[in-house]
N, C-alpha and C. Protein backbone atom coordinates (compact mmCIF):
# COMPACT_ATOMS: atom_id res chain seq x y z
N MET A 1 205.03 51.88 107.81
CA MET A 1 204.18 52.12 106.63
C MET A 1 202.83 51.23 106.82
N GLY A 2 201.74 51.81 106.75
CA GLY A 2 200.53 51.17 107.21
C GLY A 2 200.09 50.18 106.02
N LEU A 3 200.36 50.38 104.84
CA LEU A 3 199.93 49.37 103.78
C LEU A 3 200.65 48.19 103.75
N MET A 4 201.81 48.08 104.35
CA MET A 4 202.65 46.86 104.39
C MET A 4 202.41 45.86 105.54
N ARG A 5 201.23 46.11 106.11
CA ARG A 5 200.92 45.13 107.17
C ARG A 5 199.83 44.10 106.79
N GLY A 6 199.55 43.20 107.46
CA GLY A 6 198.60 42.24 107.16
C GLY A 6 199.08 40.98 106.36
N ARG A 7 198.11 40.12 105.93
CA ARG A 7 198.55 39.06 105.17
C ARG A 7 198.67 39.44 103.74
N ALA A 8 199.89 39.11 103.09
CA ALA A 8 200.31 39.40 101.76
C ALA A 8 200.10 40.90 101.48
N PRO A 9 200.94 41.72 101.84
CA PRO A 9 200.76 43.21 101.61
C PRO A 9 201.10 43.44 100.13
N ILE A 10 201.74 42.67 99.42
CA ILE A 10 202.14 42.75 98.15
C ILE A 10 200.82 42.99 97.19
N ARG A 11 199.68 42.59 97.69
CA ARG A 11 198.41 42.78 96.90
C ARG A 11 198.06 44.15 96.87
N ARG A 12 198.62 45.17 97.73
CA ARG A 12 198.16 46.42 97.70
C ARG A 12 199.11 47.32 97.01
N THR A 13 200.08 46.79 96.35
CA THR A 13 201.07 47.61 95.56
C THR A 13 200.58 47.88 94.22
N MET A 14 201.00 49.03 93.60
CA MET A 14 200.58 49.36 92.19
C MET A 14 201.21 48.34 91.12
N ASP A 15 202.40 47.91 91.41
CA ASP A 15 202.94 46.93 90.45
C ASP A 15 202.26 45.56 90.33
N TYR A 16 201.80 45.11 91.56
CA TYR A 16 200.96 43.98 91.51
C TYR A 16 199.46 44.11 90.80
N LEU A 17 199.10 45.32 91.14
CA LEU A 17 197.63 45.67 90.53
C LEU A 17 197.76 45.80 88.97
N LYS A 18 198.82 46.44 88.45
CA LYS A 18 198.97 46.56 87.10
C LYS A 18 199.34 45.18 86.28
N LYS A 19 199.92 44.32 87.06
CA LYS A 19 200.12 43.04 86.40
C LYS A 19 199.03 42.08 85.97
N GLY A 20 197.81 42.53 86.49
CA GLY A 20 196.57 41.78 86.31
C GLY A 20 196.35 41.49 84.79
N THR A 21 195.92 40.34 84.31
CA THR A 21 195.60 40.11 82.98
C THR A 21 194.10 39.84 82.79
N LEU A 22 193.26 39.85 83.78
CA LEU A 22 192.01 39.40 83.69
C LEU A 22 191.13 40.77 83.33
N TYR A 23 190.75 40.88 82.01
CA TYR A 23 189.88 41.90 81.44
C TYR A 23 188.42 41.33 81.37
N ILE A 24 187.51 41.77 82.12
CA ILE A 24 186.18 41.22 81.94
C ILE A 24 185.43 41.79 80.76
N LYS A 25 184.65 41.00 80.20
CA LYS A 25 183.95 41.50 78.90
C LYS A 25 183.06 42.60 79.33
N PRO A 26 182.92 43.72 78.47
CA PRO A 26 182.13 44.88 78.86
C PRO A 26 180.67 44.75 79.08
N ASN A 27 180.05 43.69 78.56
CA ASN A 27 178.68 43.57 78.83
C ASN A 27 178.19 42.99 80.21
N LEU A 28 179.34 42.47 80.94
CA LEU A 28 179.20 41.96 82.32
C LEU A 28 179.36 43.01 83.16
N LYS A 29 178.34 43.25 84.09
CA LYS A 29 178.24 44.37 85.13
C LYS A 29 178.46 44.12 86.49
N ILE A 30 178.01 43.01 86.87
CA ILE A 30 178.09 42.56 88.43
C ILE A 30 178.62 41.22 88.52
N MET A 31 179.62 41.14 89.37
CA MET A 31 180.33 39.88 89.64
C MET A 31 179.84 39.39 91.19
N MET A 32 179.19 38.38 91.20
CA MET A 32 178.93 37.86 92.73
C MET A 32 179.60 36.49 93.04
N THR A 33 180.31 36.45 94.20
CA THR A 33 180.88 35.15 94.58
C THR A 33 180.27 34.80 95.92
N ASN A 34 180.28 33.37 96.02
CA ASN A 34 179.80 32.82 97.22
C ASN A 34 180.87 31.84 97.76
N VAL A 35 181.29 32.11 99.03
CA VAL A 35 182.34 31.31 99.58
C VAL A 35 181.98 30.84 100.85
N ILE A 36 182.35 29.61 101.17
CA ILE A 36 182.05 28.99 102.31
C ILE A 36 183.40 28.73 103.18
N PRO A 37 183.35 29.69 104.16
CA PRO A 37 184.63 29.75 105.08
C PRO A 37 184.92 28.42 105.79
N ASN A 38 186.29 28.14 105.83
CA ASN A 38 186.81 26.93 106.46
C ASN A 38 186.31 25.55 105.93
N ASN A 39 185.95 25.64 104.48
CA ASN A 39 185.45 24.40 103.97
C ASN A 39 186.48 24.05 102.87
N PRO A 40 187.03 22.93 102.78
CA PRO A 40 188.06 22.60 101.85
C PRO A 40 187.48 22.56 100.39
N ALA A 41 186.06 22.46 100.27
CA ALA A 41 185.49 22.39 98.87
C ALA A 41 185.59 23.83 98.31
N SER A 42 185.59 24.99 98.99
CA SER A 42 185.82 26.40 98.46
C SER A 42 187.15 26.94 98.69
N SER A 43 188.18 26.15 99.08
CA SER A 43 189.56 26.54 99.21
C SER A 43 190.07 27.25 97.93
N GLY A 44 189.90 26.66 96.71
CA GLY A 44 190.32 27.29 95.48
C GLY A 44 189.73 28.67 95.22
N LEU A 45 188.52 28.74 95.33
CA LEU A 45 187.80 30.05 95.13
C LEU A 45 188.26 31.14 96.16
N GLN A 46 188.41 30.67 97.49
CA GLN A 46 188.91 31.66 98.37
C GLN A 46 190.31 32.16 97.94
N GLU A 47 191.27 31.33 97.60
CA GLU A 47 192.46 31.84 97.20
C GLU A 47 192.40 32.74 95.82
N PHE A 48 191.53 32.22 94.94
CA PHE A 48 191.32 33.19 93.71
C PHE A 48 190.94 34.52 94.17
N ILE A 49 189.88 34.66 95.00
CA ILE A 49 189.45 35.95 95.52
C ILE A 49 190.57 36.76 96.17
N PHE A 50 191.39 36.03 97.04
CA PHE A 50 192.37 36.66 97.74
C PHE A 50 193.47 37.14 96.96
N TRP A 51 193.88 36.58 95.88
CA TRP A 51 195.04 36.91 95.14
C TRP A 51 194.45 37.77 93.81
N HIS A 52 193.44 37.28 93.22
CA HIS A 52 192.96 38.05 91.97
C HIS A 52 191.97 39.10 91.98
N LEU A 53 191.15 39.10 93.00
CA LEU A 53 190.17 40.16 93.10
C LEU A 53 190.66 41.66 93.25
N PRO A 54 191.80 41.95 93.93
CA PRO A 54 192.28 43.36 93.83
C PRO A 54 192.56 43.68 92.49
N GLN A 55 193.30 42.75 91.64
CA GLN A 55 193.74 43.10 90.34
C GLN A 55 192.36 43.26 89.38
N LEU A 56 191.46 42.39 89.69
CA LEU A 56 190.20 42.56 88.90
C LEU A 56 189.37 43.93 89.17
N ARG A 57 189.43 44.43 90.35
CA ARG A 57 188.91 45.69 90.84
C ARG A 57 189.66 46.74 90.13
N TYR A 58 190.92 46.63 90.13
CA TYR A 58 191.82 47.70 89.43
C TYR A 58 191.66 47.67 87.89
N LYS A 59 191.62 46.67 87.26
CA LYS A 59 191.52 46.63 85.89
C LYS A 59 190.11 46.80 85.27
N ASN A 60 189.29 46.58 86.07
CA ASN A 60 187.66 46.63 85.53
C ASN A 60 186.97 47.63 86.40
N PRO A 61 187.15 48.93 86.29
CA PRO A 61 186.31 49.79 87.13
C PRO A 61 184.99 49.94 87.03
N GLY A 62 184.55 49.51 85.80
CA GLY A 62 182.95 49.53 85.64
C GLY A 62 182.29 48.30 86.10
N VAL A 63 182.81 47.40 86.72
CA VAL A 63 182.26 46.20 87.25
C VAL A 63 182.00 46.30 88.86
N GLN A 64 180.76 45.84 89.34
CA GLN A 64 180.62 45.92 90.61
C GLN A 64 180.87 44.45 91.21
N PHE A 65 181.69 44.29 92.30
CA PHE A 65 182.23 43.04 92.81
C PHE A 65 181.63 42.93 94.30
N LEU A 66 180.78 41.75 94.44
CA LEU A 66 180.18 41.38 95.76
C LEU A 66 180.66 39.94 96.12
N THR A 67 181.11 39.81 97.42
CA THR A 67 181.57 38.57 97.98
C THR A 67 180.63 38.25 99.01
N PHE A 68 179.98 37.20 98.85
CA PHE A 68 179.01 36.66 99.95
C PHE A 68 179.60 35.37 100.63
N ARG A 69 179.12 35.11 101.84
CA ARG A 69 179.45 33.99 102.57
C ARG A 69 178.28 33.15 102.93
N CYS A 70 178.35 31.92 102.63
CA CYS A 70 177.41 30.86 103.05
C CYS A 70 175.85 31.29 102.61
N ILE A 71 175.83 31.71 101.39
CA ILE A 71 174.40 31.93 100.83
C ILE A 71 173.94 30.54 100.30
N ALA A 72 174.81 29.75 99.63
CA ALA A 72 174.46 28.50 99.03
C ALA A 72 175.36 27.45 99.58
N PRO A 73 175.11 26.14 99.23
CA PRO A 73 175.97 25.01 99.87
C PRO A 73 177.16 24.80 99.16
N THR A 74 177.23 25.41 97.69
CA THR A 74 178.47 25.26 96.87
C THR A 74 179.04 26.63 96.64
N PRO A 75 180.34 26.63 96.44
CA PRO A 75 181.05 27.83 95.95
C PRO A 75 180.74 28.15 94.53
N TYR A 76 180.59 29.41 94.19
CA TYR A 76 180.29 29.66 92.73
C TYR A 76 180.71 31.13 92.57
N ILE A 77 180.90 31.49 91.20
CA ILE A 77 180.94 32.90 90.80
C ILE A 77 179.85 33.05 89.71
N GLN A 78 179.17 34.18 89.95
CA GLN A 78 178.00 34.51 89.21
C GLN A 78 178.20 35.87 88.51
N PHE A 79 177.79 36.06 87.41
CA PHE A 79 177.86 37.39 86.52
C PHE A 79 176.52 37.72 86.12
N ILE A 80 176.19 39.09 86.35
CA ILE A 80 175.00 39.47 85.87
C ILE A 80 175.26 40.49 84.69
N ASN A 81 174.68 40.28 83.42
CA ASN A 81 175.08 41.18 82.36
C ASN A 81 174.20 42.36 82.30
N ALA A 82 174.46 43.21 81.22
CA ALA A 82 173.54 44.45 81.11
C ALA A 82 172.19 44.27 80.85
N HIS A 83 171.77 43.18 80.38
CA HIS A 83 170.30 42.76 80.24
C HIS A 83 169.73 42.13 81.34
N GLY A 84 170.34 41.95 82.55
CA GLY A 84 169.80 41.32 83.64
C GLY A 84 169.86 39.80 83.68
N GLU A 85 170.64 39.13 82.72
CA GLU A 85 170.69 37.74 82.66
C GLU A 85 171.89 37.25 83.49
N SER A 86 171.79 36.11 84.13
CA SER A 86 172.89 35.76 84.96
C SER A 86 173.69 34.50 84.34
N ILE A 87 174.98 34.48 84.59
CA ILE A 87 175.86 33.35 84.17
C ILE A 87 176.60 32.93 85.36
N ALA A 88 176.65 31.64 85.60
CA ALA A 88 177.12 31.07 86.84
C ALA A 88 178.33 30.12 86.41
N MET A 89 179.21 30.06 87.38
CA MET A 89 180.37 29.16 87.16
C MET A 89 180.54 28.33 88.50
N ASP A 90 180.41 27.00 88.51
CA ASP A 90 180.60 26.23 89.79
C ASP A 90 182.13 26.14 90.10
N CYS A 91 182.49 26.29 91.37
CA CYS A 91 183.93 26.30 91.73
C CYS A 91 184.06 25.29 92.82
N TYR A 92 183.22 24.06 92.81
CA TYR A 92 183.26 23.11 94.00
C TYR A 92 184.44 22.23 93.75
N GLN A 93 185.28 22.28 94.75
CA GLN A 93 186.57 21.34 94.76
C GLN A 93 187.41 21.68 93.66
N GLN A 94 187.60 22.99 93.34
CA GLN A 94 188.56 23.23 92.24
C GLN A 94 189.81 24.13 92.86
N SER A 95 190.98 23.97 92.21
CA SER A 95 192.08 24.61 92.90
C SER A 95 192.04 26.05 92.16
N LYS A 96 192.95 26.95 92.73
CA LYS A 96 193.04 28.19 92.53
C LYS A 96 193.26 28.52 90.92
N GLU A 97 194.27 27.59 90.50
CA GLU A 97 194.66 27.61 88.96
C GLU A 97 193.44 27.25 88.01
N ASP A 98 192.65 26.17 88.41
CA ASP A 98 191.52 25.64 87.59
C ASP A 98 190.51 26.81 87.82
N VAL A 99 190.14 27.47 88.76
CA VAL A 99 189.22 28.62 88.83
C VAL A 99 189.73 29.71 87.93
N HIS A 100 191.01 30.00 87.99
CA HIS A 100 191.45 31.18 87.21
C HIS A 100 191.44 30.90 85.66
N ASP A 101 191.83 29.63 85.23
CA ASP A 101 191.68 29.29 83.86
C ASP A 101 190.17 29.23 83.43
N GLU A 102 189.51 28.75 84.14
CA GLU A 102 188.03 28.63 83.63
C GLU A 102 187.42 30.11 83.57
N PHE A 103 187.71 30.88 84.64
CA PHE A 103 187.33 32.29 84.65
C PHE A 103 187.78 33.06 83.42
N LEU A 104 189.19 32.99 83.06
CA LEU A 104 189.57 33.47 81.87
C LEU A 104 188.86 33.23 80.64
N GLN A 105 188.68 31.77 80.53
CA GLN A 105 187.99 31.28 79.33
C GLN A 105 186.52 31.84 79.24
N THR A 106 185.83 31.81 80.29
CA THR A 106 184.32 32.09 80.37
C THR A 106 183.96 33.64 80.33
N PHE A 107 184.61 34.45 81.17
CA PHE A 107 184.27 35.84 81.37
C PHE A 107 185.20 36.82 80.89
N CYS A 108 186.37 36.40 80.41
CA CYS A 108 187.37 37.47 80.04
C CYS A 108 187.92 37.49 78.61
N TYR A 109 188.41 38.65 78.16
CA TYR A 109 189.11 38.72 76.97
C TYR A 109 190.63 38.31 77.14
N THR A 110 191.16 37.63 76.31
CA THR A 110 192.64 37.40 76.39
C THR A 110 193.56 38.31 75.70
N ASP A 111 193.05 38.94 74.67
CA ASP A 111 193.91 40.04 73.91
C ASP A 111 193.36 41.40 74.44
N ILE A 112 194.38 42.21 74.92
CA ILE A 112 193.99 43.57 75.32
C ILE A 112 193.63 44.50 74.17
N GLU A 113 194.25 44.48 73.04
CA GLU A 113 193.82 45.27 71.96
C GLU A 113 192.50 44.89 71.38
N MET A 114 192.07 43.74 71.37
CA MET A 114 190.76 43.29 70.93
C MET A 114 189.69 43.99 72.15
N MET A 115 190.11 43.88 73.21
CA MET A 115 189.03 44.41 74.30
C MET A 115 188.98 46.01 74.21
N THR A 116 190.17 46.55 74.04
CA THR A 116 190.00 48.16 73.96
C THR A 116 189.16 48.46 72.63
N LYS A 117 189.50 47.72 71.49
CA LYS A 117 188.78 47.93 70.22
C LYS A 117 187.32 47.80 70.47
N ILE A 118 186.88 46.71 71.01
CA ILE A 118 185.43 46.42 71.35
C ILE A 118 184.83 47.49 72.28
N ARG A 119 185.52 47.97 73.28
CA ARG A 119 184.97 49.01 74.10
C ARG A 119 184.78 50.29 73.44
N ASN A 120 185.83 50.76 72.50
CA ASN A 120 185.73 51.96 71.72
C ASN A 120 184.44 51.84 70.87
N GLN A 121 184.43 50.61 70.14
CA GLN A 121 183.20 50.53 69.27
C GLN A 121 181.94 50.71 69.99
N GLN A 122 181.80 50.12 71.20
CA GLN A 122 180.56 50.33 72.04
C GLN A 122 180.43 51.63 72.36
N LEU A 123 181.49 52.46 72.75
CA LEU A 123 181.34 53.87 73.15
C LEU A 123 181.09 54.83 71.96
N TYR A 124 181.86 54.62 70.85
CA TYR A 124 181.96 55.56 69.82
C TYR A 124 181.26 55.16 68.55
N GLY A 125 180.89 53.87 68.33
CA GLY A 125 180.40 53.33 67.09
C GLY A 125 181.57 52.87 66.22
N VAL A 126 181.31 52.44 65.02
CA VAL A 126 182.23 51.80 64.24
C VAL A 126 183.33 52.73 63.63
N ASP A 127 182.81 54.08 63.26
CA ASP A 127 183.87 54.90 62.88
C ASP A 127 184.37 55.92 63.99
N ILE A 128 185.46 55.39 64.63
CA ILE A 128 186.04 56.02 65.59
C ILE A 128 186.72 57.46 65.22
N LYS A 129 187.25 57.55 64.09
CA LYS A 129 187.91 58.70 63.69
C LYS A 129 187.11 59.90 63.54
N THR A 130 185.74 59.74 63.24
CA THR A 130 184.89 60.94 63.15
C THR A 130 184.08 61.23 64.32
N ARG A 131 184.02 60.19 65.20
CA ARG A 131 183.27 60.26 66.43
C ARG A 131 183.73 60.92 67.74
N ARG A 132 185.14 60.66 67.73
CA ARG A 132 185.98 61.08 68.97
C ARG A 132 186.27 62.47 68.87
N PRO A 133 185.82 63.47 69.64
CA PRO A 133 186.14 64.93 69.32
C PRO A 133 187.48 65.30 69.91
N GLU A 134 187.96 64.47 70.76
CA GLU A 134 189.29 64.75 71.25
C GLU A 134 190.48 64.52 70.56
N LEU A 135 190.22 63.78 69.36
CA LEU A 135 191.45 63.45 68.49
C LEU A 135 191.45 64.39 67.28
N PHE A 136 192.70 64.74 66.94
CA PHE A 136 192.87 65.62 65.78
C PHE A 136 194.21 65.39 65.23
N GLY A 137 194.30 65.57 63.92
CA GLY A 137 195.55 65.17 63.15
C GLY A 137 195.29 64.94 61.64
N PRO A 138 196.22 64.55 60.94
CA PRO A 138 196.01 64.29 59.51
C PRO A 138 195.12 63.12 59.24
N ASP A 139 194.98 62.16 60.19
CA ASP A 139 194.14 60.97 59.90
C ASP A 139 192.83 61.21 60.50
N TYR A 140 192.41 62.29 61.14
CA TYR A 140 191.11 62.33 61.90
C TYR A 140 190.26 63.39 61.10
N ARG A 141 189.06 63.60 61.58
CA ARG A 141 188.27 64.63 61.13
C ARG A 141 188.72 66.13 61.15
N ARG A 142 189.26 66.41 62.22
CA ARG A 142 189.90 67.75 62.51
C ARG A 142 191.30 67.71 62.19
N HIS A 143 191.94 68.53 61.34
CA HIS A 143 193.34 68.53 61.16
C HIS A 143 194.13 69.21 62.24
N CYS A 144 193.42 70.31 62.92
CA CYS A 144 194.20 71.01 63.87
C CYS A 144 193.25 71.33 65.08
N ILE A 145 193.62 71.65 66.31
CA ILE A 145 192.82 72.08 67.18
C ILE A 145 192.08 73.57 66.89
N CYS A 146 192.78 74.19 66.07
CA CYS A 146 192.14 75.60 65.86
C CYS A 146 190.83 75.42 65.12
N VAL A 147 190.45 74.31 64.68
CA VAL A 147 189.15 74.21 63.95
C VAL A 147 187.94 74.15 64.90
N VAL A 148 188.43 73.80 66.11
CA VAL A 148 187.23 73.67 67.21
C VAL A 148 186.75 75.03 67.62
N ALA A 149 185.65 75.25 67.78
CA ALA A 149 184.95 76.57 68.13
C ALA A 149 185.58 76.90 69.54
N GLY A 150 185.99 78.17 69.76
CA GLY A 150 186.35 78.70 71.05
C GLY A 150 188.01 78.55 71.37
N GLN A 151 188.67 77.97 70.30
CA GLN A 151 190.08 77.72 70.29
C GLN A 151 190.74 78.87 69.62
N VAL A 152 192.01 79.14 69.86
CA VAL A 152 192.85 80.15 69.30
C VAL A 152 193.09 79.80 67.87
N PRO A 153 192.96 80.73 66.94
CA PRO A 153 193.05 80.42 65.45
C PRO A 153 194.55 80.16 65.22
N CYS A 154 194.91 79.40 64.03
CA CYS A 154 196.20 79.10 63.69
C CYS A 154 196.93 80.39 63.20
N PRO A 155 198.16 80.56 63.69
CA PRO A 155 198.90 81.85 63.21
C PRO A 155 199.19 81.80 61.80
N ALA A 156 199.16 80.54 61.18
CA ALA A 156 199.45 80.38 59.79
C ALA A 156 198.29 81.12 58.96
N TYR A 157 197.14 81.14 59.34
CA TYR A 157 195.88 81.67 58.67
C TYR A 157 195.54 82.95 59.07
N GLU A 158 195.65 83.25 60.27
CA GLU A 158 195.19 84.54 60.96
C GLU A 158 196.18 85.12 61.85
N LYS A 159 196.34 86.36 61.99
CA LYS A 159 197.24 86.92 62.88
C LYS A 159 196.81 86.73 64.32
N LEU A 160 197.65 86.43 65.23
CA LEU A 160 197.29 86.44 66.58
C LEU A 160 197.11 87.75 67.19
N PRO A 161 196.45 87.72 68.32
CA PRO A 161 196.31 89.18 68.94
C PRO A 161 197.56 89.59 69.52
N LYS A 162 197.72 90.89 69.78
CA LYS A 162 199.07 91.29 70.23
C LYS A 162 199.35 90.76 71.55
N GLU A 163 198.44 90.58 72.39
CA GLU A 163 198.69 90.03 73.66
C GLU A 163 199.27 88.60 73.67
N MET A 164 199.14 87.91 72.57
CA MET A 164 199.51 86.59 72.49
C MET A 164 200.87 86.50 71.80
N ARG A 165 201.49 87.57 71.47
CA ARG A 165 202.78 87.50 70.71
C ARG A 165 203.80 87.71 71.69
N GLY A 166 205.05 87.41 71.32
CA GLY A 166 206.26 87.39 72.34
C GLY A 166 206.63 88.73 72.56
N LYS A 167 206.50 89.80 71.59
CA LYS A 167 207.04 91.02 71.79
C LYS A 167 206.10 91.97 72.40
N PHE A 168 205.04 91.63 72.82
CA PHE A 168 204.05 92.50 73.49
C PHE A 168 204.42 92.81 74.82
N SER A 169 204.35 94.16 75.15
CA SER A 169 204.56 94.71 76.55
C SER A 169 203.29 95.16 77.15
N PRO A 170 202.94 94.63 78.24
CA PRO A 170 201.69 95.03 78.68
C PRO A 170 201.72 96.62 79.33
N LEU A 171 203.03 97.00 79.60
CA LEU A 171 203.01 98.40 80.05
C LEU A 171 202.58 99.33 78.92
N ASN A 172 203.08 99.03 77.76
CA ASN A 172 202.65 99.92 76.58
C ASN A 172 201.24 99.82 76.29
N ALA A 173 200.65 98.74 76.53
CA ALA A 173 199.11 98.59 76.32
C ALA A 173 198.44 99.36 77.30
N ARG A 174 198.88 99.27 78.72
CA ARG A 174 198.28 100.18 79.73
C ARG A 174 198.34 101.72 79.29
N ASN A 175 199.65 102.12 78.96
CA ASN A 175 199.65 103.52 78.59
C ASN A 175 198.79 103.95 77.35
N LYS A 176 198.67 102.94 76.52
CA LYS A 176 197.95 103.26 75.23
C LYS A 176 196.41 103.51 75.82
N TRP A 177 195.88 102.65 76.73
CA TRP A 177 194.56 102.70 77.08
C TRP A 177 194.43 103.99 77.94
N ARG A 178 195.38 104.30 78.83
CA ARG A 178 195.32 105.48 79.52
C ARG A 178 195.11 106.80 78.66
N LYS A 179 195.99 106.77 77.61
CA LYS A 179 195.97 107.98 76.68
C LYS A 179 194.44 107.96 76.05
N ALA A 180 194.00 106.84 75.71
CA ALA A 180 192.70 106.88 75.03
C ALA A 180 191.59 107.24 76.05
N GLU A 181 191.77 106.87 77.35
CA GLU A 181 190.77 107.27 78.41
C GLU A 181 190.82 108.77 78.62
N GLU A 182 192.02 109.40 78.65
CA GLU A 182 192.19 110.75 78.88
C GLU A 182 191.58 111.46 77.65
N GLU A 183 191.87 111.09 76.59
CA GLU A 183 191.10 111.78 75.34
C GLU A 183 189.71 111.73 75.42
N VAL A 184 189.01 110.59 75.73
CA VAL A 184 187.63 110.55 75.83
C VAL A 184 187.13 111.38 77.01
N LEU A 185 187.84 111.49 78.18
CA LEU A 185 187.33 112.36 79.30
C LEU A 185 187.61 113.66 78.90
N GLY A 186 188.67 113.97 78.27
CA GLY A 186 188.84 115.44 77.77
C GLY A 186 187.64 115.88 76.89
N ARG A 187 187.29 115.09 75.90
CA ARG A 187 186.22 115.28 74.98
C ARG A 187 184.79 115.52 75.84
N GLU A 188 184.65 114.72 76.78
CA GLU A 188 183.34 114.89 77.60
C GLU A 188 183.35 116.16 78.39
N GLN A 189 184.53 116.65 78.94
CA GLN A 189 184.69 117.81 79.71
C GLN A 189 184.38 118.96 78.90
N GLU A 190 184.95 119.00 77.49
CA GLU A 190 184.63 120.05 76.64
C GLU A 190 183.28 120.22 76.20
N THR A 191 182.54 119.00 76.12
CA THR A 191 181.20 119.17 75.67
C THR A 191 180.35 119.52 76.87
N GLU A 192 180.63 119.27 78.00
CA GLU A 192 179.92 119.82 79.22
C GLU A 192 179.99 121.30 79.40
N VAL A 193 181.09 122.03 79.08
CA VAL A 193 181.33 123.44 79.32
C VAL A 193 180.65 124.08 78.19
């Protein structure tokens, strides 16, 4: 199995990716990290990237992740938000746990429900029930899918076409159309003579 090779192949399993708890705030769009290889000052950030970056990528598909090496003399994590402003976190001589805790407090939501609520508000506004067209039911703007234009009407209010009923036989319909065509063709031949 090709995915189970290399260092720590557990990082590439779906169970591991789904267990991630780091949900980045929605206004942060780009995450940049600077690592200095083989330097004890950046070992905590290197371990954080090794273990948590796959989960971050899986849980936050709208964020771009960039990892640089030796750009600056100190290791750091930097975010750029939607307005172009940057926020940096210094990771000099911090352990993986310290980096994780500070990252969680600075850049992430801790409550999943709060995060989904805020993202829904950003996408659909305050009144989710009237703005989301795919939702219908007694609590939403549309009580049934039949209200949407182009959908089949409810059988409670309007009879369905015969083709959509269970007792309809397509052979009877073909024979019916054949008889109608023959009558039309017969009338046309009579008018020509």
